[in-house]
């Protein structure tokens, strides 16, 4: 008796490979669409400035060395008080004493902590 092994072993691996390729293609297409769709219509402003903060006897001093597009800098003390400046290059200080200070850049109405 001669056995026909072609039907026993030939079809299943082919179907498995086709299904694997189809699933992989679907996942790649879905991920590509989500990445593309998440950036559509969103304009991201770049906060492009070089700054340095240094401690003074009465607070902190923010030195702006380069400012490409930041409209305003906000030097905020941990107690909530703020010192605002719209200088392009130079320095400004906040004299609120010891504590934690945060430097915030404002571009297009968006705020981002930069130091």
N, C-alpha and C. Protein backbone atom coordinates (compact mmCIF):
# COMPACT_ATOMS: atom_id res chain seq x y z
N UNK A 1 0.83 -1.15 0.00
CA UNK A 1 0.00 0.00 0.00
C UNK A 1 0.89 1.23 0.00
N UNK A 2 0.62 2.14 -0.88
CA UNK A 2 1.38 3.38 -1.02
C UNK A 2 0.59 4.49 -0.34
N UNK A 3 1.29 5.23 0.52
CA UNK A 3 0.62 6.33 1.21
C UNK A 3 0.93 7.65 0.51
N UNK A 4 -0.06 8.51 0.48
CA UNK A 4 0.09 9.83 -0.13
C UNK A 4 0.31 10.84 1.00
N UNK A 5 1.54 11.24 1.24
CA UNK A 5 1.88 12.18 2.31
C UNK A 5 1.77 13.64 1.89
N UNK A 6 1.52 13.91 0.62
CA UNK A 6 1.43 15.29 0.13
C UNK A 6 0.26 16.01 0.79
N UNK A 7 -0.86 15.36 0.91
CA UNK A 7 -2.02 16.00 1.53
C UNK A 7 -1.85 16.11 3.04
N UNK A 8 -1.08 15.23 3.61
CA UNK A 8 -0.93 15.21 5.05
C UNK A 8 -0.03 16.34 5.56
N UNK A 9 1.01 16.70 4.81
CA UNK A 9 1.99 17.68 5.29
C UNK A 9 2.11 18.94 4.43
N UNK A 10 1.52 19.04 3.30
CA UNK A 10 1.75 20.15 2.37
C UNK A 10 0.87 21.36 2.55
N UNK A 11 -0.36 21.20 2.96
CA UNK A 11 -1.30 22.31 2.98
C UNK A 11 -1.19 23.14 4.26
N UNK A 12 -1.08 22.53 5.36
CA UNK A 12 -1.09 23.23 6.65
C UNK A 12 0.04 24.26 6.79
N UNK A 13 1.29 23.95 6.44
CA UNK A 13 2.34 24.97 6.55
C UNK A 13 2.12 26.16 5.62
N UNK A 14 1.57 25.92 4.46
CA UNK A 14 1.32 27.01 3.51
C UNK A 14 0.24 27.95 4.07
N UNK A 15 -0.81 27.40 4.59
CA UNK A 15 -1.88 28.22 5.18
C UNK A 15 -1.33 28.98 6.39
N UNK A 16 -0.54 28.32 7.20
CA UNK A 16 0.06 28.99 8.36
C UNK A 16 0.94 30.15 7.95
N UNK A 17 1.75 29.98 6.91
CA UNK A 17 2.62 31.06 6.44
C UNK A 17 1.80 32.22 5.89
N UNK A 18 0.73 31.92 5.15
CA UNK A 18 -0.14 32.97 4.60
C UNK A 18 -0.80 33.74 5.73
N UNK A 19 -1.29 33.05 6.74
CA UNK A 19 -1.92 33.73 7.87
C UNK A 19 -0.91 34.58 8.64
N UNK A 20 0.30 34.08 8.81
CA UNK A 20 1.34 34.84 9.50
C UNK A 20 1.68 36.13 8.75
N UNK A 21 1.81 36.05 7.44
CA UNK A 21 2.09 37.24 6.64
C UNK A 21 0.92 38.22 6.70
N UNK A 22 -0.31 37.73 6.65
CA UNK A 22 -1.48 38.59 6.70
C UNK A 22 -1.58 39.31 8.04
N UNK A 23 -1.34 38.62 9.13
CA UNK A 23 -1.41 39.24 10.45
C UNK A 23 -0.30 40.28 10.60
N UNK A 24 0.91 39.93 10.17
CA UNK A 24 2.02 40.87 10.25
C UNK A 24 1.75 42.13 9.43
N UNK A 25 1.23 41.97 8.23
CA UNK A 25 0.91 43.11 7.36
C UNK A 25 -0.18 43.97 8.00
N UNK A 26 -1.18 43.36 8.59
CA UNK A 26 -2.24 44.12 9.25
C UNK A 26 -1.73 44.91 10.45
N UNK A 27 -0.87 44.31 11.25
CA UNK A 27 -0.32 45.01 12.41
C UNK A 27 0.55 46.18 11.97
N UNK A 28 1.39 45.99 10.96
CA UNK A 28 2.24 47.07 10.46
C UNK A 28 1.39 48.20 9.90
N UNK A 29 0.35 47.88 9.15
CA UNK A 29 -0.53 48.90 8.59
C UNK A 29 -1.24 49.68 9.69
N UNK A 30 -1.71 48.99 10.71
CA UNK A 30 -2.39 49.65 11.83
C UNK A 30 -1.45 50.57 12.59
N UNK A 31 -0.25 50.11 12.89
CA UNK A 31 0.73 50.94 13.59
C UNK A 31 1.14 52.14 12.74
N UNK A 32 1.34 51.94 11.46
CA UNK A 32 1.71 53.06 10.58
C UNK A 32 0.61 54.10 10.54
N UNK A 33 -0.63 53.69 10.47
CA UNK A 33 -1.74 54.63 10.44
C UNK A 33 -1.83 55.40 11.75
N UNK A 34 -1.67 54.73 12.89
CA UNK A 34 -1.74 55.41 14.19
C UNK A 34 -0.62 56.42 14.36
N UNK A 35 0.58 56.09 13.92
CA UNK A 35 1.69 57.02 14.03
C UNK A 35 1.44 58.23 13.14
N UNK A 36 0.98 58.00 11.91
CA UNK A 36 0.70 59.10 10.98
C UNK A 36 -0.47 59.94 11.48
N UNK A 37 -1.53 59.31 11.93
CA UNK A 37 -2.72 60.05 12.36
C UNK A 37 -2.48 60.85 13.61
N UNK A 38 -1.57 60.43 14.46
CA UNK A 38 -1.34 61.16 15.70
C UNK A 38 -0.63 62.48 15.46
N UNK A 39 0.08 62.63 14.33
CA UNK A 39 0.81 63.86 14.03
C UNK A 39 0.07 64.76 13.05
N UNK A 40 -1.07 64.36 12.54
CA UNK A 40 -1.79 65.16 11.56
C UNK A 40 -2.41 66.36 12.25
N UNK A 41 -2.17 67.54 11.72
CA UNK A 41 -2.77 68.75 12.24
C UNK A 41 -2.14 69.28 13.51
N UNK A 42 -1.07 68.71 13.96
CA UNK A 42 -0.43 69.16 15.19
C UNK A 42 0.84 69.92 14.82
N UNK A 43 0.90 71.17 15.23
CA UNK A 43 2.10 71.96 15.01
C UNK A 43 2.84 72.03 16.33
N UNK A 44 4.02 71.51 16.35
CA UNK A 44 4.79 71.49 17.59
C UNK A 44 5.84 72.60 17.52
N UNK A 45 5.78 73.48 18.50
CA UNK A 45 6.74 74.55 18.60
C UNK A 45 8.00 74.03 19.28
N UNK A 46 9.12 74.50 18.83
CA UNK A 46 10.39 74.13 19.43
C UNK A 46 10.82 75.22 20.39
N UNK A 47 11.19 74.83 21.59
CA UNK A 47 11.69 75.76 22.58
C UNK A 47 13.21 75.81 22.39
N UNK A 48 13.66 76.75 21.60
CA UNK A 48 15.05 76.80 21.18
C UNK A 48 15.78 77.95 21.86
N UNK A 49 16.37 77.66 23.03
CA UNK A 49 17.11 78.67 23.78
C UNK A 49 18.19 77.99 24.60
N UNK A 50 19.27 78.72 24.81
CA UNK A 50 20.35 78.24 25.69
C UNK A 50 20.31 79.09 26.95
N UNK A 51 20.10 78.45 28.08
CA UNK A 51 19.97 79.18 29.35
C UNK A 51 20.81 78.50 30.43
N UNK A 52 21.08 79.29 31.46
CA UNK A 52 21.79 78.77 32.62
C UNK A 52 21.21 79.47 33.84
N UNK A 53 21.02 78.74 34.89
CA UNK A 53 20.53 79.33 36.14
C UNK A 53 21.65 79.26 37.17
N UNK A 54 21.82 80.35 37.91
CA UNK A 54 22.83 80.35 38.96
C UNK A 54 22.23 80.93 40.23
N UNK A 55 22.66 80.37 41.33
CA UNK A 55 22.17 80.82 42.63
C UNK A 55 22.85 82.12 43.02
N UNK A 56 22.07 83.04 43.58
CA UNK A 56 22.60 84.29 44.11
C UNK A 56 22.37 84.31 45.62
N UNK A 57 22.83 85.37 46.28
CA UNK A 57 22.64 85.48 47.73
C UNK A 57 21.17 85.59 48.11
N UNK A 58 20.35 86.19 47.21
CA UNK A 58 18.95 86.43 47.55
C UNK A 58 17.96 85.63 46.71
N UNK A 59 18.43 84.75 45.85
CA UNK A 59 17.52 83.97 45.02
C UNK A 59 18.24 83.25 43.90
N UNK A 60 17.82 83.54 42.66
CA UNK A 60 18.41 82.88 41.52
C UNK A 60 18.45 83.84 40.33
N UNK A 61 19.42 83.63 39.45
CA UNK A 61 19.59 84.45 38.26
C UNK A 61 19.52 83.55 37.04
N UNK A 62 18.71 83.94 36.06
CA UNK A 62 18.60 83.19 34.81
C UNK A 62 19.37 83.93 33.73
N UNK A 63 20.34 83.25 33.11
CA UNK A 63 21.14 83.83 32.03
C UNK A 63 20.69 83.21 30.71
N UNK A 64 20.27 84.06 29.77
CA UNK A 64 19.85 83.59 28.45
C UNK A 64 20.97 83.93 27.48
N UNK A 65 21.62 82.90 26.92
CA UNK A 65 22.74 83.09 26.00
C UNK A 65 22.28 83.11 24.54
N UNK A 66 21.24 82.34 24.25
CA UNK A 66 20.72 82.26 22.89
C UNK A 66 19.21 82.06 22.99
N UNK A 67 18.47 82.79 22.16
CA UNK A 67 17.02 82.68 22.16
C UNK A 67 16.53 82.81 20.73
N UNK A 68 16.07 81.70 20.18
CA UNK A 68 15.60 81.71 18.80
C UNK A 68 14.12 82.06 18.69
N UNK A 69 13.30 81.56 19.60
CA UNK A 69 11.86 81.76 19.43
C UNK A 69 11.06 81.84 20.72
N UNK A 70 11.70 81.88 21.86
CA UNK A 70 10.96 81.95 23.13
C UNK A 70 10.46 83.38 23.30
N UNK A 71 9.14 83.50 23.51
CA UNK A 71 8.52 84.82 23.64
C UNK A 71 8.67 85.38 25.05
N UNK A 72 8.64 84.50 26.04
CA UNK A 72 8.69 84.95 27.43
C UNK A 72 9.31 83.85 28.29
N UNK A 73 10.08 84.27 29.28
CA UNK A 73 10.62 83.35 30.27
C UNK A 73 9.93 83.64 31.60
N UNK A 74 9.62 82.58 32.33
CA UNK A 74 9.00 82.71 33.64
C UNK A 74 9.90 82.00 34.65
N UNK A 75 10.36 82.73 35.62
CA UNK A 75 11.17 82.18 36.70
C UNK A 75 10.25 82.04 37.90
N UNK A 76 9.91 80.80 38.24
CA UNK A 76 8.89 80.54 39.25
C UNK A 76 9.51 79.93 40.51
N UNK A 77 9.18 80.53 41.65
CA UNK A 77 9.64 80.03 42.94
C UNK A 77 8.65 78.98 43.43
N UNK A 78 9.10 78.09 44.32
CA UNK A 78 8.25 77.03 44.83
C UNK A 78 7.03 77.55 45.57
N UNK A 79 7.07 78.80 46.06
CA UNK A 79 5.90 79.35 46.74
C UNK A 79 4.86 79.92 45.78
N UNK A 80 5.14 79.84 44.48
CA UNK A 80 4.17 80.27 43.46
C UNK A 80 4.43 81.65 42.88
N UNK A 81 5.32 82.43 43.49
CA UNK A 81 5.62 83.74 42.94
C UNK A 81 6.43 83.60 41.65
N UNK A 82 6.21 84.54 40.73
CA UNK A 82 6.84 84.47 39.42
C UNK A 82 7.53 85.78 39.07
N UNK A 83 8.63 85.65 38.35
CA UNK A 83 9.31 86.80 37.74
C UNK A 83 9.29 86.52 36.23
N UNK A 84 8.69 87.42 35.45
CA UNK A 84 8.56 87.22 34.01
C UNK A 84 9.49 88.16 33.25
N UNK A 85 9.99 87.67 32.10
CA UNK A 85 10.86 88.49 31.27
C UNK A 85 10.67 88.10 29.81
N UNK A 86 10.69 89.10 28.94
CA UNK A 86 10.62 88.81 27.50
C UNK A 86 11.91 89.22 26.80
N UNK A 87 13.03 89.16 27.52
CA UNK A 87 14.32 89.50 26.92
C UNK A 87 14.76 88.41 25.96
N UNK A 88 15.50 88.81 24.94
CA UNK A 88 16.03 87.83 23.99
C UNK A 88 17.32 87.23 24.51
N UNK A 89 18.25 88.09 24.91
CA UNK A 89 19.52 87.64 25.44
C UNK A 89 19.84 88.54 26.63
N UNK A 90 20.36 87.95 27.69
CA UNK A 90 20.69 88.72 28.88
C UNK A 90 20.36 87.90 30.12
N UNK A 91 20.05 88.60 31.21
CA UNK A 91 19.74 87.89 32.44
C UNK A 91 18.67 88.63 33.22
N UNK A 92 17.98 87.88 34.07
CA UNK A 92 17.02 88.45 35.00
C UNK A 92 17.02 87.60 36.26
N UNK A 93 16.60 88.21 37.35
CA UNK A 93 16.70 87.53 38.64
C UNK A 93 15.35 87.44 39.33
N UNK A 94 15.28 86.51 40.25
CA UNK A 94 14.15 86.38 41.17
C UNK A 94 14.75 86.36 42.57
N UNK A 95 14.33 87.30 43.39
CA UNK A 95 14.91 87.44 44.73
C UNK A 95 13.95 86.97 45.82
N UNK A 96 13.52 85.73 45.71
CA UNK A 96 12.58 85.17 46.69
C UNK A 96 13.29 84.32 47.74
N UNK A 97 14.59 84.40 47.81
CA UNK A 97 15.32 83.65 48.82
C UNK A 97 15.56 82.21 48.43
N UNK A 98 15.87 81.42 49.44
CA UNK A 98 16.15 80.00 49.20
C UNK A 98 14.89 79.27 48.74
N UNK A 99 15.10 78.14 48.12
CA UNK A 99 14.00 77.31 47.66
C UNK A 99 14.24 76.81 46.26
N UNK A 100 13.27 76.12 45.74
CA UNK A 100 13.37 75.55 44.40
C UNK A 100 12.77 76.51 43.39
N UNK A 101 13.50 76.74 42.30
CA UNK A 101 13.06 77.61 41.22
C UNK A 101 12.91 76.78 39.95
N UNK A 102 11.96 77.20 39.11
CA UNK A 102 11.72 76.54 37.83
C UNK A 102 11.74 77.61 36.76
N UNK A 103 12.45 77.33 35.65
CA UNK A 103 12.47 78.24 34.52
C UNK A 103 11.56 77.68 33.43
N UNK A 104 10.61 78.49 33.01
CA UNK A 104 9.60 78.07 32.04
C UNK A 104 9.73 78.94 30.80
N UNK A 105 9.68 78.33 29.62
CA UNK A 105 9.69 79.06 28.35
C UNK A 105 8.29 79.07 27.77
N UNK A 106 7.90 80.20 27.17
CA UNK A 106 6.59 80.34 26.56
C UNK A 106 6.78 80.60 25.07
N UNK A 107 6.19 79.74 24.23
CA UNK A 107 6.22 79.90 22.78
C UNK A 107 4.81 79.64 22.26
N UNK A 108 4.23 80.61 21.60
CA UNK A 108 2.90 80.45 21.03
C UNK A 108 1.84 80.15 22.06
N UNK A 109 2.00 80.65 23.27
CA UNK A 109 1.04 80.39 24.33
C UNK A 109 1.26 79.07 25.04
N UNK A 110 2.19 78.27 24.58
CA UNK A 110 2.50 76.98 25.22
C UNK A 110 3.68 77.16 26.16
N UNK A 111 3.57 76.56 27.33
CA UNK A 111 4.62 76.65 28.34
C UNK A 111 5.33 75.31 28.47
N UNK A 112 6.65 75.39 28.64
CA UNK A 112 7.44 74.17 28.86
C UNK A 112 8.54 74.48 29.85
N UNK A 113 8.70 73.61 30.83
CA UNK A 113 9.78 73.74 31.80
C UNK A 113 11.09 73.43 31.10
N UNK A 114 12.04 74.36 31.18
CA UNK A 114 13.33 74.13 30.51
C UNK A 114 14.47 73.99 31.50
N UNK A 115 14.25 74.34 32.76
CA UNK A 115 15.31 74.14 33.74
C UNK A 115 14.72 74.19 35.14
